[in-house]
Amino acid sequence: MKQINLKVSHGYPIIFLNNFNDLSAQLKKYLIQKKVFIISDTNVAAFYLSKIEESLKKEKIDVKSYVFKAGEERKNIKILTDIVKYAMNSGIDRQHTVIALGGGVVGDIAGFFASVYMRGLKYIQVPTTLLAMVDSSVGGKTGVNTESGKNIIGTFYQPQCVLINTKFLRTLNSRHLKNGMAEVIKYAVSFDVKFFRELNLIFEKEFISEKDFENIIYKSCKFKADIVGKDEKETKGLRELLNFGHTFAHALETVTEYKEFLHGEAVAIGMLFVCELAERISFAKKNTASVLKEMLTAAGFCLNINKKYDPVKFFAVMKRDKKSVSDKIKFVLPKQIGLIRPKMEVDDKAVLNLLKEVLK
């Protein structure tokens, strides 16, 4: 059983489980009392909730669950308020441990709920999607979206542990597997050209094996844990590196009301956008964008937006991103594959000119 120890304000492990039977045994180690509150969505609950509830009840653990309709558009204050009402009516107290059972949306909402309900409950991340396993379950970022932007309201709140079981991936469709692969590619482009080459070889195969996924997830978690351990609350500039491609992606998700693109699909387009931008201002090595485009295409991403959006309005949404300072966007730009730089200002005109081409 592999484990990565994440060293932050309170250290915690990222544990790679071998099978479903390990889940309840590991969960028990981190409970305050034998009381859990599972938060999940309709997609995940249909496959796994009853099975996990039964295994916990066999261990004499009191289980209560809340399930909301799946979808990024549900990651909002209303759902959070509904969960709080249910928790109050169901007697959820500070002796309960919250379990986030699901993908990135579930993890962000459950983590946010845990951070604010009764001034803080312990919680555990049990990611069920590739995106959540390689990114959102690790590092303690929680939050909800608003009409003005993505993750505008949120907290840094670390879980007690992250329990990863790649067997959850068996019930994901190809689109959601691809959704998580965008974040994997992000790590390769950002930190490791050797990993980038490994991914190219994997994408050349017709079938990605469970062993491949285990290796991909482990390496991705290691990259993220190393960064988060050095800059837990994004105050030193290091954690900003993890936002490569996300300023454009978050704007795209916002203007489409979280209905057109999955997060990873938006990130794929966002990474390509900043690569092209970096080349145009002579910051990135020539052909960086074309090399990335080849990989994203091989991974199955559609890189066309296929709808017209006003570039000026789109740029205004980008400027509302959390990473903007004094109405200036701080981009994460690549120098080349495997090397990126944070806090890069780019002339507004250069950004707008590229937006006019991409959004036409």
Protein backbone atom coordinates (compact mmCIF):
# COMPACT_ATOMS: atom_id res chain seq x y z
CA MET A 1 0.00 0.00 0.00
CA LYS A 2 1.70 3.21 -1.21
CA GLN A 3 1.57 6.41 0.82
CA ILE A 4 2.65 10.04 0.33
CA ASN A 5 2.98 12.18 3.45
CA LEU A 6 1.90 15.76 2.84
CA LYS A 7 3.66 18.17 5.20
CA VAL A 8 1.50 21.21 5.90
CA SER A 9 0.04 22.88 9.03
CA HIS A 10 -1.04 19.42 10.09
CA GLY A 11 0.61 16.67 8.10
CA TYR A 12 -1.58 14.00 6.60
CA PRO A 13 -1.17 10.99 4.33
CA ILE A 14 -2.32 10.35 0.79
CA ILE A 15 -2.95 6.62 0.94
CA PHE A 16 -3.26 4.41 -2.15
CA LEU A 17 -5.63 1.53 -1.40
CA ASN A 18 -5.43 -1.87 -3.03
CA ASN A 19 -9.14 -2.69 -2.93
CA PHE A 20 -12.53 -1.55 -1.64
CA ASN A 21 -12.24 -3.66 1.50
CA ASP A 22 -9.37 -1.45 2.68
CA LEU A 23 -11.56 1.65 2.67
CA SER A 24 -13.55 1.15 5.88
CA ALA A 25 -10.46 -0.08 7.75
CA GLN A 26 -8.53 3.08 6.82
CA LEU A 27 -11.49 5.38 7.50
CA LYS A 28 -11.83 4.03 11.03
CA LYS A 29 -8.30 5.15 11.90
CA TYR A 30 -9.19 8.81 11.38
CA LEU A 31 -12.61 9.09 13.06
CA ILE A 32 -13.07 11.10 16.27
CA GLN A 33 -16.03 8.94 17.26
CA LYS A 34 -17.91 6.29 15.34
CA LYS A 35 -19.93 8.95 13.52
CA VAL A 36 -19.62 9.94 9.88
CA PHE A 37 -21.46 12.30 7.56
CA ILE A 38 -21.00 11.32 3.91
CA ILE A 39 -21.51 13.99 1.25
CA SER A 40 -21.80 12.72 -2.33
CA ASP A 41 -23.59 13.35 -5.63
CA THR A 42 -26.12 11.36 -7.62
CA ASN A 43 -23.57 9.90 -10.05
CA VAL A 44 -21.29 8.47 -7.37
CA ALA A 45 -24.06 7.50 -4.96
CA ALA A 46 -25.70 5.29 -7.59
CA PHE A 47 -22.59 3.09 -7.75
CA TYR A 48 -20.95 3.24 -4.35
CA LEU A 49 -22.88 4.89 -1.52
CA SER A 50 -24.92 1.95 -0.27
CA LYS A 51 -21.90 -0.36 -0.41
CA ILE A 52 -19.79 2.02 1.66
CA GLU A 53 -22.64 2.73 4.10
CA GLU A 54 -23.09 -1.02 4.68
CA SER A 55 -19.38 -1.62 5.27
CA LEU A 56 -19.23 1.21 7.82
CA LYS A 57 -22.38 0.09 9.61
CA LYS A 58 -20.86 -3.38 9.99
CA GLU A 59 -18.14 -1.65 12.01
CA LYS A 60 -20.83 -0.14 14.28
CA ILE A 61 -20.30 3.31 12.80
CA ASP A 62 -23.27 5.68 12.74
CA VAL A 63 -23.70 6.86 9.14
CA LYS A 64 -25.68 9.78 7.76
CA SER A 65 -25.50 10.83 4.11
CA TYR A 66 -26.44 13.78 1.92
CA VAL A 67 -26.62 13.41 -1.87
CA PHE A 68 -27.03 16.32 -4.29
CA LYS A 69 -27.56 16.31 -8.04
CA ALA A 70 -24.27 15.96 -9.92
CA GLY A 71 -22.81 18.84 -11.94
CA GLU A 72 -20.40 21.77 -11.65
CA GLU A 73 -23.34 24.19 -11.82
CA ARG A 74 -24.46 22.84 -8.42
CA LYS A 75 -21.24 23.95 -6.74
CA ASN A 76 -22.89 27.02 -5.23
CA ILE A 77 -24.05 28.66 -2.01
CA LYS A 78 -27.57 27.22 -2.30
CA ILE A 79 -26.29 23.62 -2.18
CA LEU A 80 -24.04 24.52 0.74
CA THR A 81 -27.02 26.03 2.58
CA ASP A 82 -29.11 22.92 1.87
CA ILE A 83 -26.37 20.72 3.34
CA VAL A 84 -26.18 22.90 6.45
CA LYS A 85 -29.96 22.66 6.95
CA TYR A 86 -29.88 18.90 6.55
CA ALA A 87 -26.95 18.60 8.96
CA MET A 88 -28.73 20.67 11.60
CA ASN A 89 -31.95 18.67 11.26
CA SER A 90 -30.04 15.36 11.35
CA GLY A 91 -28.03 16.12 14.47
CA ILE A 92 -24.62 16.38 12.82
CA ASP A 93 -22.23 17.71 15.46
CA ARG A 94 -18.51 18.15 16.07
CA GLN A 95 -18.10 14.46 16.85
CA HIS A 96 -18.90 13.62 13.22
CA THR A 97 -16.23 13.24 10.56
CA VAL A 98 -17.27 14.42 7.09
CA ILE A 99 -16.44 12.11 4.19
CA ALA A 100 -16.23 13.67 0.74
CA LEU A 101 -17.17 10.79 -1.56
CA GLY A 102 -16.96 11.96 -5.14
CA GLY A 103 -15.17 14.09 -7.67
CA GLY A 104 -13.88 17.64 -7.50
CA VAL A 105 -17.28 19.27 -7.00
CA VAL A 106 -18.14 17.00 -4.07
CA GLY A 107 -14.68 17.42 -2.55
CA ASP A 108 -14.79 21.22 -2.77
CA ILE A 109 -18.29 21.50 -1.32
CA ALA A 110 -17.79 18.90 1.40
CA GLY A 111 -14.48 20.44 2.39
CA PHE A 112 -16.01 23.92 2.51
CA PHE A 113 -18.92 22.65 4.58
CA ALA A 114 -16.51 20.93 6.98
CA SER A 115 -14.47 24.11 7.34
CA VAL A 116 -17.41 26.36 8.31
CA TYR A 117 -20.01 24.12 9.98
CA MET A 118 -19.83 24.60 13.76
CA ARG A 119 -16.50 26.34 13.10
CA GLY A 120 -14.93 23.23 11.71
CA LEU A 121 -15.39 19.46 11.48
CA LYS A 122 -12.74 16.90 10.64
CA TYR A 123 -13.05 15.53 7.11
CA ILE A 124 -11.61 12.90 4.80
CA GLN A 125 -11.29 13.00 1.03
CA VAL A 126 -12.32 9.85 -0.87
CA PRO A 127 -11.92 10.93 -4.53
CA THR A 128 -13.73 8.86 -7.14
CA THR A 129 -12.66 10.62 -10.36
CA LEU A 130 -9.25 10.97 -11.98
CA LEU A 131 -9.47 14.77 -11.69
CA ALA A 132 -10.09 14.58 -7.95
CA MET A 133 -7.40 11.95 -7.40
CA VAL A 134 -4.64 13.90 -9.11
CA ASP A 135 -5.65 17.41 -8.12
CA SER A 136 -8.64 18.67 -6.16
CA SER A 137 -8.59 16.18 -3.25
CA VAL A 138 -5.00 17.11 -2.38
CA GLY A 139 -3.97 20.41 -0.83
CA GLY A 140 -6.97 21.66 1.14
CA LYS A 141 -8.55 24.14 -1.26
CA THR A 142 -12.32 24.26 -0.78
CA GLY A 143 -15.02 26.52 -2.14
CA VAL A 144 -18.06 27.24 -4.26
CA ASN A 145 -18.69 29.19 -7.44
CA THR A 146 -20.64 32.41 -7.91
CA GLU A 147 -22.05 34.12 -11.00
CA SER A 148 -18.95 36.33 -10.99
CA GLY A 149 -16.39 33.54 -11.06
CA LYS A 150 -15.16 30.13 -10.02
CA ASN A 151 -14.19 29.33 -6.42
CA ILE A 152 -14.63 32.96 -5.38
CA ILE A 153 -15.90 31.90 -1.94
CA GLY A 154 -13.78 29.31 -0.16
CA THR A 155 -11.20 28.35 2.43
CA PHE A 156 -7.92 26.54 2.86
CA TYR A 157 -8.85 23.57 5.03
CA GLN A 158 -6.82 20.39 5.08
CA PRO A 159 -8.38 16.91 5.37
CA GLN A 160 -7.29 14.25 7.84
CA CYS A 161 -6.23 12.05 4.95
CA VAL A 162 -6.86 11.32 1.27
CA LEU A 163 -7.80 7.74 0.37
CA ILE A 164 -7.22 6.87 -3.28
CA ASN A 165 -8.51 3.70 -4.93
CA THR A 166 -8.05 3.51 -8.70
CA LYS A 167 -10.83 0.91 -8.91
CA PHE A 168 -13.30 3.83 -8.70
CA LEU A 169 -12.14 4.74 -12.21
CA ARG A 170 -13.80 1.63 -13.65
CA THR A 171 -17.19 3.35 -13.61
CA LEU A 172 -15.98 6.59 -15.24
CA ASN A 173 -16.78 7.22 -18.88
CA SER A 174 -14.06 8.29 -21.33
CA ARG A 175 -14.99 11.96 -21.11
CA HIS A 176 -14.47 12.07 -17.34
CA LEU A 177 -11.22 10.12 -17.54
CA LYS A 178 -10.03 12.64 -20.12
CA ASN A 179 -11.21 15.44 -17.83
CA GLY A 180 -8.69 14.35 -15.18
CA MET A 181 -5.95 13.76 -17.71
CA ALA A 182 -5.76 17.50 -18.40
CA GLU A 183 -4.45 18.07 -14.87
CA VAL A 184 -1.95 15.23 -15.32
CA ILE A 185 -0.65 16.88 -18.49
CA LYS A 186 -0.46 20.14 -16.54
CA TYR A 187 2.03 18.60 -14.10
CA ALA A 188 4.16 17.25 -16.94
CA VAL A 189 4.27 20.55 -18.83
CA SER A 190 4.93 22.43 -15.60
CA PHE A 191 7.57 20.32 -13.88
CA ASP A 192 8.94 17.32 -15.74
CA VAL A 193 9.74 16.86 -19.44
CA LYS A 194 10.56 13.18 -18.76
CA PHE A 195 7.03 12.66 -17.42
CA PHE A 196 5.73 14.48 -20.52
CA ARG A 197 7.51 11.92 -22.73
CA GLU A 198 6.10 9.05 -20.65
CA LEU A 199 2.59 10.40 -21.18
CA ASN A 200 3.18 10.60 -24.93
CA LEU A 201 4.00 6.88 -24.97
CA ILE A 202 0.89 6.10 -22.90
CA PHE A 203 -1.38 8.06 -25.25
CA GLU A 204 0.00 6.13 -28.20
CA LYS A 205 -1.53 2.94 -26.77
CA GLU A 206 -5.13 2.01 -27.46
CA PHE A 207 -5.74 1.10 -23.84
CA ILE A 208 -4.47 2.72 -20.64
CA SER A 209 -4.01 0.01 -18.01
CA GLU A 210 -4.84 0.23 -14.32
CA LYS A 211 -1.10 0.07 -13.63
CA ASP A 212 -0.58 3.09 -15.90
CA PHE A 213 -3.27 4.99 -14.00
CA GLU A 214 -1.72 4.09 -10.64
CA ASN A 215 1.66 5.40 -11.83
CA ILE A 216 0.13 8.56 -13.31
CA ILE A 217 -1.87 9.33 -10.15
CA TYR A 218 1.04 8.64 -7.80
CA LYS A 219 3.41 10.94 -9.74
CA SER A 220 0.77 13.68 -10.03
CA CYS A 221 0.03 13.57 -6.28
CA LYS A 222 3.76 13.71 -5.57
CA PHE A 223 4.15 16.85 -7.69
CA LYS A 224 1.22 18.54 -5.96
CA ALA A 225 2.22 17.44 -2.44
CA ASP A 226 5.73 18.82 -2.95
CA ILE A 227 4.37 22.24 -3.99
CA VAL A 228 1.62 22.44 -1.37
CA GLY A 229 4.04 21.40 1.38
CA LYS A 230 6.20 24.44 0.58
CA ASP A 231 3.36 26.93 0.06
CA GLU A 232 0.19 25.74 1.79
CA LYS A 233 -1.88 28.91 1.45
CA GLU A 234 -0.44 30.34 -1.78
CA THR A 235 1.46 33.13 -0.03
CA LYS A 236 4.94 32.43 -1.42
CA GLY A 237 4.18 32.18 -5.13
CA LEU A 238 5.04 28.49 -5.46
CA ARG A 239 1.48 27.18 -5.30
CA GLU A 240 0.52 29.56 -8.08
CA LEU A 241 2.44 27.24 -10.39
CA LEU A 242 -0.44 24.79 -10.05
CA ASN A 243 -2.71 27.34 -11.76
CA PHE A 244 -1.09 26.94 -15.18
CA GLY A 245 -3.89 27.38 -17.74
CA HIS A 246 -6.52 28.03 -15.08
CA THR A 247 -7.10 31.78 -15.47
CA PHE A 248 -8.42 31.26 -19.00
CA ALA A 249 -10.13 28.01 -18.00
CA HIS A 250 -12.03 29.54 -15.08
CA ALA A 251 -13.23 32.40 -17.31
CA LEU A 252 -14.41 29.91 -19.94
CA GLU A 253 -16.31 27.92 -17.31
CA THR A 254 -17.85 31.12 -15.93
CA VAL A 255 -19.10 32.57 -19.24
CA THR A 256 -20.61 29.21 -20.19
CA GLU A 257 -22.26 28.93 -16.75
CA TYR A 258 -20.40 25.66 -16.05
CA LYS A 259 -22.59 23.83 -18.59
CA GLU A 260 -20.48 23.57 -21.76
CA PHE A 261 -17.09 22.36 -20.54
CA LEU A 262 -15.84 20.06 -17.85
CA HIS A 263 -13.03 21.61 -15.79
CA GLY A 264 -10.29 19.57 -17.46
CA GLU A 265 -11.61 20.39 -20.92
CA ALA A 266 -11.40 24.09 -20.09
CA VAL A 267 -7.91 23.64 -18.59
CA ALA A 268 -6.69 21.93 -21.77
CA ILE A 269 -7.77 24.93 -23.85
CA GLY A 270 -6.39 27.30 -21.19
CA MET A 271 -2.95 25.67 -21.22
CA LEU A 272 -2.75 25.91 -24.99
CA PHE A 273 -3.86 29.56 -24.81
CA VAL A 274 -1.06 30.58 -22.43
CA CYS A 275 1.52 28.59 -24.39
CA GLU A 276 0.58 30.46 -27.55
CA LEU A 277 0.59 33.73 -25.60
CA ALA A 278 4.05 33.00 -24.19
CA GLU A 279 5.42 32.31 -27.67
CA ARG A 280 3.93 35.51 -29.08
CA ILE A 281 5.68 37.66 -26.50
CA SER A 282 8.92 35.70 -27.10
CA PHE A 283 8.92 34.22 -23.60
CA ALA A 284 8.46 30.54 -24.49
CA LYS A 285 10.69 28.38 -26.61
CA LYS A 286 9.48 28.12 -30.21
CA ASN A 287 7.00 25.28 -30.91
CA THR A 288 6.09 24.84 -27.24
CA ALA A 289 2.42 25.37 -28.13
CA SER A 290 2.49 22.98 -31.09
CA VAL A 291 4.14 20.21 -29.00
CA LEU A 292 1.48 20.64 -26.31
CA LYS A 293 -1.29 20.73 -28.92
CA GLU A 294 -0.09 17.40 -30.33
CA MET A 295 -0.27 15.79 -26.88
CA LEU A 296 -3.70 17.23 -26.05
CA THR A 297 -5.01 16.03 -29.42
CA ALA A 298 -3.52 12.57 -28.83
CA ALA A 299 -5.25 12.52 -25.44
CA GLY A 300 -8.56 13.15 -27.21
CA PHE A 301 -9.25 16.79 -26.37
CA CYS A 302 -11.28 19.03 -28.64
CA LEU A 303 -9.44 22.36 -28.53
CA ASN A 304 -12.04 24.47 -30.35
CA ILE A 305 -14.54 26.52 -28.34
CA ASN A 306 -17.07 26.51 -31.22
CA LYS A 307 -18.97 29.54 -29.90
CA LYS A 308 -18.36 33.25 -30.23
CA TYR A 309 -17.75 35.28 -27.09
CA ASP A 310 -16.99 38.97 -26.78
CA PRO A 311 -13.20 39.09 -26.15
CA VAL A 312 -13.42 42.32 -24.12
CA LYS A 313 -16.07 40.87 -21.81
CA PHE A 314 -14.18 37.59 -21.59
CA PHE A 315 -11.00 39.46 -20.65
CA ALA A 316 -12.94 41.28 -17.93
CA VAL A 317 -13.96 37.91 -16.45
CA MET A 318 -10.33 36.78 -16.56
CA LYS A 319 -9.39 39.89 -14.59
CA ARG A 320 -11.86 38.96 -11.85
CA ASP A 321 -9.94 35.74 -11.23
CA LYS A 322 -8.56 35.31 -7.70
CA LYS A 323 -5.01 35.42 -9.05
CA SER A 324 -5.39 38.94 -10.44
CA VAL A 325 -3.82 41.83 -8.51
CA SER A 326 -4.88 45.47 -8.96
CA ASP A 327 -6.74 44.64 -12.18
CA LYS A 328 -3.61 42.94 -13.55
CA ILE A 329 -3.62 39.25 -14.43
CA LYS A 330 -0.61 37.34 -13.13
CA PHE A 331 -0.16 34.57 -15.69
CA VAL A 332 1.70 31.31 -15.22
CA LEU A 333 3.71 31.07 -18.43
CA PRO A 334 5.88 28.26 -19.83
CA LYS A 335 9.49 28.79 -20.85
CA GLN A 336 9.46 25.32 -22.41
CA ILE A 337 7.95 21.91 -21.74
CA GLY A 338 8.84 21.05 -18.14
CA LEU A 339 9.54 24.62 -17.00
CA ILE A 340 7.02 27.33 -16.09
CA ARG A 341 7.17 30.69 -14.32
CA PRO A 342 4.49 32.35 -12.11
CA LYS A 343 3.50 36.01 -11.61
CA MET A 344 4.08 37.02 -15.23
CA GLU A 345 2.40 40.20 -16.45
CA VAL A 346 1.48 40.40 -20.12
CA ASP A 347 0.43 43.53 -21.98
CA ASP A 348 -3.37 43.69 -22.22
CA LYS A 349 -3.20 44.27 -25.97
CA ALA A 350 -1.34 40.99 -26.56
CA VAL A 351 -3.89 39.08 -24.49
CA LEU A 352 -6.84 40.71 -26.26
CA ASN A 353 -5.40 40.07 -29.71
CA LEU A 354 -5.09 36.36 -28.97
CA LEU A 355 -8.56 36.26 -27.39
CA LYS A 356 -10.03 37.73 -30.58
CA GLU A 357 -8.57 34.81 -32.53
CA VAL A 358 -9.54 32.09 -30.06
CA LEU A 359 -13.09 33.33 -29.40
CA LYS A 360 -14.02 34.17 -33.01
